[in-house]
Amino acid sequence: MATTVPTQPTRGVTGTILASDTTGAQAIASAPFGHALVQAAERNPRIVGLTADLGKYTDMHVFAERFPERFFQIGMAEQNLIGVAAGLARTGFVPFAPRTAKEWCQR
Protein backbone atom coordinates (compact mmCIF):
# COMPACT_ATOMS: atom_id res chain seq x y z
CA MET A 1 0.00 0.00 0.00
CA ALA A 2 1.62 3.22 -1.16
CA THR A 3 1.18 6.49 0.74
CA THR A 4 1.30 9.76 -1.13
CA VAL A 5 3.11 12.53 0.73
CA PRO A 6 2.50 16.06 -0.55
CA THR A 7 5.70 17.87 -1.45
CA GLN A 8 4.35 21.23 -0.18
CA PRO A 9 1.89 21.80 2.64
CA THR A 10 -1.55 23.09 1.78
CA ARG A 11 -1.55 26.89 1.89
CA GLY A 12 -3.10 28.31 5.04
CA VAL A 13 -3.16 25.05 6.96
CA THR A 14 -0.91 24.02 9.82
CA GLY A 15 -1.79 20.53 10.93
CA THR A 16 -5.51 20.70 11.57
CA ILE A 17 -5.51 24.36 12.56
CA LEU A 18 -5.96 27.08 9.98
CA ALA A 19 -3.09 29.55 9.84
CA SER A 20 -3.81 33.27 9.92
CA ASP A 21 -4.99 34.14 6.45
CA THR A 22 -6.34 37.67 6.43
CA THR A 23 -7.22 37.77 2.76
CA GLY A 24 -10.53 39.60 2.50
CA ALA A 25 -10.74 40.24 6.25
CA GLN A 26 -11.96 43.57 7.57
CA ALA A 27 -9.33 45.94 8.86
CA ILE A 28 -9.35 46.35 12.62
CA ALA A 29 -9.01 49.64 14.45
CA SER A 30 -5.62 50.28 15.99
CA ALA A 31 -5.75 51.31 19.68
CA PRO A 32 -9.54 51.86 19.81
CA PHE A 33 -9.64 52.66 23.54
CA GLY A 34 -6.87 55.24 23.24
CA HIS A 35 -8.53 57.03 20.34
CA ALA A 36 -11.93 57.02 22.08
CA LEU A 37 -10.34 58.42 25.25
CA VAL A 38 -8.65 61.20 23.24
CA GLN A 39 -12.01 62.12 21.72
CA ALA A 40 -13.62 62.24 25.16
CA ALA A 41 -10.70 64.25 26.60
CA GLU A 42 -11.00 66.81 23.82
CA ARG A 43 -14.50 67.55 25.14
CA ASN A 44 -13.70 67.25 28.84
CA PRO A 45 -10.52 68.89 30.19
CA ARG A 46 -10.88 67.08 33.53
CA ILE A 47 -10.05 63.68 31.96
CA VAL A 48 -6.56 62.44 32.84
CA GLY A 49 -4.82 59.20 31.94
CA LEU A 50 -2.63 57.04 34.14
CA THR A 51 -0.63 53.90 33.52
CA ALA A 52 1.56 51.50 35.44
CA ASP A 53 4.17 50.77 32.76
CA LEU A 54 1.76 49.23 30.25
CA GLY A 55 0.64 52.28 28.30
CA LYS A 56 1.30 50.62 24.96
CA TYR A 57 -0.78 47.57 25.80
CA THR A 58 -3.72 49.51 27.24
CA ASP A 59 -3.77 52.09 24.40
CA MET A 60 -2.79 54.90 26.79
CA HIS A 61 0.16 55.78 24.55
CA VAL A 62 -2.33 57.43 22.18
CA PHE A 63 -3.66 59.60 25.01
CA ALA A 64 -0.13 60.36 26.25
CA GLU A 65 0.94 61.60 22.81
CA ARG A 66 -2.06 63.93 22.53
CA PHE A 67 -2.19 65.13 26.15
CA PRO A 68 1.26 64.75 27.74
CA GLU A 69 0.38 67.25 30.45
CA ARG A 70 -2.64 65.13 31.47
CA PHE A 71 -0.85 61.79 31.43
CA PHE A 72 0.82 60.20 34.46
CA GLN A 73 3.25 57.26 34.31
CA ILE A 74 3.08 55.75 37.80
CA GLY A 75 5.52 52.90 37.25
CA MET A 76 5.14 49.26 38.19
CA ALA A 77 2.99 49.92 41.24
CA GLU A 78 -0.64 49.05 40.67
CA GLN A 79 -1.61 49.94 44.24
CA ASN A 80 -0.18 53.42 43.74
CA LEU A 81 -1.93 53.68 40.38
CA ILE A 82 -5.29 53.26 42.06
CA GLY A 83 -4.33 55.52 44.97
CA VAL A 84 -3.28 58.31 42.63
CA ALA A 85 -6.42 57.82 40.51
CA ALA A 86 -8.58 58.02 43.64
CA GLY A 87 -6.85 61.20 44.76
CA LEU A 88 -7.30 62.79 41.34
CA ALA A 89 -10.98 61.80 41.33
CA ARG A 90 -11.41 63.24 44.83
CA THR A 91 -10.06 66.58 43.61
CA GLY A 92 -12.37 66.82 40.58
CA PHE A 93 -10.50 65.03 37.81
CA VAL A 94 -11.86 62.09 35.81
CA PRO A 95 -9.03 59.52 35.86
CA PHE A 96 -8.70 56.60 33.48
CA ALA A 97 -6.28 53.94 34.71
CA PRO A 98 -6.72 50.85 32.53
CA ARG A 99 -4.89 47.62 33.30
CA THR A 100 -5.13 44.14 31.93
CA ALA A 101 -7.02 41.78 34.23
CA LYS A 102 -4.11 39.45 34.84
CA GLU A 103 -2.08 42.19 36.54
CA TRP A 104 -4.81 42.79 39.11
CA CYS A 105 -4.83 39.10 39.95
CA GLN A 106 -1.06 38.85 40.26
CA ARG A 107 -0.52 41.80 42.55
C-alpha atoms as a PDB file:
ATOM      1  CA  MET A   1       0.000   0.000   0.000  1.00  0.00           C
ATOM      2  CA  ALA A   2       1.621   3.225  -1.155  1.00  0.00           C
ATOM      3  CA  THR A   3       1.182   6.487   0.739  1.00  0.00           C
ATOM      4  CA  THR A   4       1.304   9.759  -1.131  1.00  0.00           C
ATOM      5  CA  VAL A   5       3.108  12.531   0.729  1.00  0.00           C
ATOM      6  CA  PRO A   6       2.498  16.056  -0.551  1.00  0.00           C
ATOM      7  CA  THR A   7       5.696  17.871  -1.446  1.00  0.00           C
ATOM      8  CA  GLN A   8       4.350  21.225  -0.175  1.00  0.00           C
ATOM      9  CA  PRO A   9       1.892  21.796   2.643  1.00  0.00           C
ATOM     10  CA  THR A  10      -1.548  23.091   1.785  1.00  0.00           C
ATOM     11  CA  ARG A  11      -1.548  26.891   1.893  1.00  0.00           C
ATOM     12  CA  GLY A  12      -3.099  28.311   5.039  1.00  0.00           C
ATOM     13  CA  VAL A  13      -3.156  25.050   6.964  1.00  0.00           C
ATOM     14  CA  THR A  14      -0.905  24.017   9.815  1.00  0.00           C
ATOM     15  CA  GLY A  15      -1.793  20.528  10.926  1.00  0.00           C
ATOM     16  CA  THR A  16      -5.512  20.704  11.573  1.00  0.00           C
ATOM     17  CA  ILE A  17      -5.509  24.362  12.564  1.00  0.00           C
ATOM     18  CA  LEU A  18      -5.959  27.079   9.980  1.00  0.00           C
ATOM     19  CA  ALA A  19      -3.091  29.548   9.839  1.00  0.00           C
ATOM     20  CA  SER A  20      -3.807  33.272   9.918  1.00  0.00           C
ATOM     21  CA  ASP A  21      -4.993  34.135   6.452  1.00  0.00           C
ATOM     22  CA  THR A  22      -6.339  37.671   6.429  1.00  0.00           C
ATOM     23  CA  THR A  23      -7.220  37.766   2.757  1.00  0.00           C
ATOM     24  CA  GLY A  24     -10.531  39.599   2.502  1.00  0.00           C
ATOM     25  CA  ALA A  25     -10.745  40.237   6.246  1.00  0.00           C
ATOM     26  CA  GLN A  26     -11.959  43.565   7.568  1.00  0.00           C
ATOM     27  CA  ALA A  27      -9.329  45.943   8.865  1.00  0.00           C
ATOM     28  CA  ILE A  28      -9.347  46.348  12.623  1.00  0.00           C
ATOM     29  CA  ALA A  29      -9.012  49.644  14.450  1.00  0.00           C
ATOM     30  CA  SER A  30      -5.622  50.276  15.992  1.00  0.00           C
ATOM     31  CA  ALA A  31      -5.755  51.307  19.680  1.00  0.00           C
ATOM     32  CA  PRO A  32      -9.544  51.864  19.809  1.00  0.00           C
ATOM     33  CA  PHE A  33      -9.643  52.664  23.537  1.00  0.00           C
ATOM     34  CA  GLY A  34      -6.867  55.239  23.238  1.00  0.00           C
ATOM     35  CA  HIS A  35      -8.534  57.031  20.344  1.00  0.00           C
ATOM     36  CA  ALA A  36     -11.926  57.019  22.083  1.00  0.00           C
ATOM     37  CA  LEU A  37     -10.336  58.418  25.251  1.00  0.00           C
ATOM     38  CA  VAL A  38      -8.651  61.202  23.245  1.00  0.00           C
ATOM     39  CA  GLN A  39     -12.008  62.124  21.718  1.00  0.00           C
ATOM     40  CA  ALA A  40     -13.617  62.240  25.159  1.00  0.00           C
ATOM     41  CA  ALA A  41     -10.700  64.250  26.602  1.00  0.00           C
ATOM     42  CA  GLU A  42     -10.999  66.813  23.822  1.00  0.00           C
ATOM     43  CA  ARG A  43     -14.499  67.547  25.139  1.00  0.00           C
ATOM     44  CA  ASN A  44     -13.696  67.246  28.845  1.00  0.00           C
ATOM     45  CA  PRO A  45     -10.517  68.888  30.190  1.00  0.00           C
ATOM     46  CA  ARG A  46     -10.875  67.082  33.532  1.00  0.00           C
ATOM     47  CA  ILE A  47     -10.053  63.681  31.958  1.00  0.00           C
ATOM     48  CA  VAL A  48      -6.561  62.437  32.840  1.00  0.00           C
ATOM     49  CA  GLY A  49      -4.817  59.196  31.940  1.00  0.00           C
ATOM     50  CA  LEU A  50      -2.627  57.037  34.144  1.00  0.00           C
ATOM     51  CA  THR A  51      -0.629  53.904  33.517  1.00  0.00           C
ATOM     52  CA  ALA A  52       1.561  51.504  35.443  1.00  0.00           C
ATOM     53  CA  ASP A  53       4.171  50.774  32.759  1.00  0.00           C
ATOM     54  CA  LEU A  54       1.755  49.230  30.255  1.00  0.00           C
ATOM     55  CA  GLY A  55       0.635  52.280  28.300  1.00  0.00           C
ATOM     56  CA  LYS A  56       1.300  50.622  24.959  1.00  0.00           C
ATOM     57  CA  TYR A  57      -0.781  47.566  25.801  1.00  0.00           C
ATOM     58  CA  THR A  58      -3.723  49.511  27.243  1.00  0.00           C
ATOM     59  CA  ASP A  59      -3.766  52.088  24.396  1.00  0.00           C
ATOM     60  CA  MET A  60      -2.790  54.900  26.794  1.00  0.00           C
ATOM     61  CA  HIS A  61       0.164  55.785  24.553  1.00  0.00           C
ATOM     62  CA  VAL A  62      -2.326  57.431  22.179  1.00  0.00           C
ATOM     63  CA  PHE A  63      -3.663  59.598  25.011  1.00  0.00           C
ATOM     64  CA  ALA A  64      -0.130  60.362  26.247  1.00  0.00           C
ATOM     65  CA  GLU A  65       0.944  61.601  22.813  1.00  0.00           C
ATOM     66  CA  ARG A  66      -2.059  63.926  22.527  1.00  0.00           C
ATOM     67  CA  PHE A  67      -2.194  65.125  26.147  1.00  0.00           C
ATOM     68  CA  PRO A  68       1.258  64.745  27.735  1.00  0.00           C
ATOM     69  CA  GLU A  69       0.378  67.249  30.454  1.00  0.00           C
ATOM     70  CA  ARG A  70      -2.636  65.135  31.474  1.00  0.00           C
ATOM     71  CA  PHE A  71      -0.847  61.787  31.435  1.00  0.00           C
ATOM     72  CA  PHE A  72       0.819  60.199  34.458  1.00  0.00           C
ATOM     73  CA  GLN A  73       3.245  57.263  34.313  1.00  0.00           C
ATOM     74  CA  ILE A  74       3.076  55.751  37.800  1.00  0.00           C
ATOM     75  CA  GLY A  75       5.523  52.904  37.254  1.00  0.00           C
ATOM     76  CA  MET A  76       5.142  49.256  38.193  1.00  0.00           C
ATOM     77  CA  ALA A  77       2.992  49.917  41.236  1.00  0.00           C
ATOM     78  CA  GLU A  78      -0.643  49.052  40.667  1.00  0.00           C
ATOM     79  CA  GLN A  79      -1.611  49.939  44.238  1.00  0.00           C
ATOM     80  CA  ASN A  80      -0.181  53.422  43.744  1.00  0.00           C
ATOM     81  CA  LEU A  81      -1.925  53.683  40.385  1.00  0.00           C
ATOM     82  CA  ILE A  82      -5.292  53.265  42.062  1.00  0.00           C
ATOM     83  CA  GLY A  83      -4.333  55.523  44.971  1.00  0.00           C
ATOM     84  CA  VAL A  84      -3.285  58.314  42.626  1.00  0.00           C
ATOM     85  CA  ALA A  85      -6.417  57.823  40.510  1.00  0.00           C
ATOM     86  CA  ALA A  86      -8.577  58.018  43.644  1.00  0.00           C
ATOM     87  CA  GLY A  87      -6.849  61.204  44.757  1.00  0.00           C
ATOM     88  CA  LEU A  88      -7.304  62.791  41.344  1.00  0.00           C
ATOM     89  CA  ALA A  89     -10.984  61.802  41.334  1.00  0.00           C
ATOM     90  CA  ARG A  90     -11.407  63.243  44.830  1.00  0.00           C
ATOM     91  CA  THR A  91     -10.065  66.583  43.608  1.00  0.00           C
ATOM     92  CA  GLY A  92     -12.372  66.815  40.579  1.00  0.00           C
ATOM     93  CA  PHE A  93     -10.502  65.027  37.808  1.00  0.00           C
ATOM     94  CA  VAL A  94     -11.858  62.087  35.810  1.00  0.00           C
ATOM     95  CA  PRO A  95      -9.033  59.519  35.862  1.00  0.00           C
ATOM     96  CA  PHE A  96      -8.702  56.598  33.482  1.00  0.00           C
ATOM     97  CA  ALA A  97      -6.277  53.942  34.714  1.00  0.00           C
ATOM     98  CA  PRO A  98      -6.718  50.851  32.531  1.00  0.00           C
ATOM     99  CA  ARG A  99      -4.891  47.622  33.297  1.00  0.00           C
ATOM    100  CA  THR A 100      -5.129  44.136  31.933  1.00  0.00           C
ATOM    101  CA  ALA A 101      -7.021  41.777  34.231  1.00  0.00           C
ATOM    102  CA  LYS A 102      -4.114  39.452  34.843  1.00  0.00           C
ATOM    103  CA  GLU A 103      -2.078  42.190  36.539  1.00  0.00           C
ATOM    104  CA  TRP A 104      -4.811  42.791  39.115  1.00  0.00           C
ATOM    105  CA  CYS A 105      -4.834  39.099  39.953  1.00  0.00           C
ATOM    106  CA  GLN A 106      -1.058  38.852  40.263  1.00  0.00           C
ATOM    107  CA  ARG A 107      -0.515  41.804  42.546  1.00  0.00           C
END
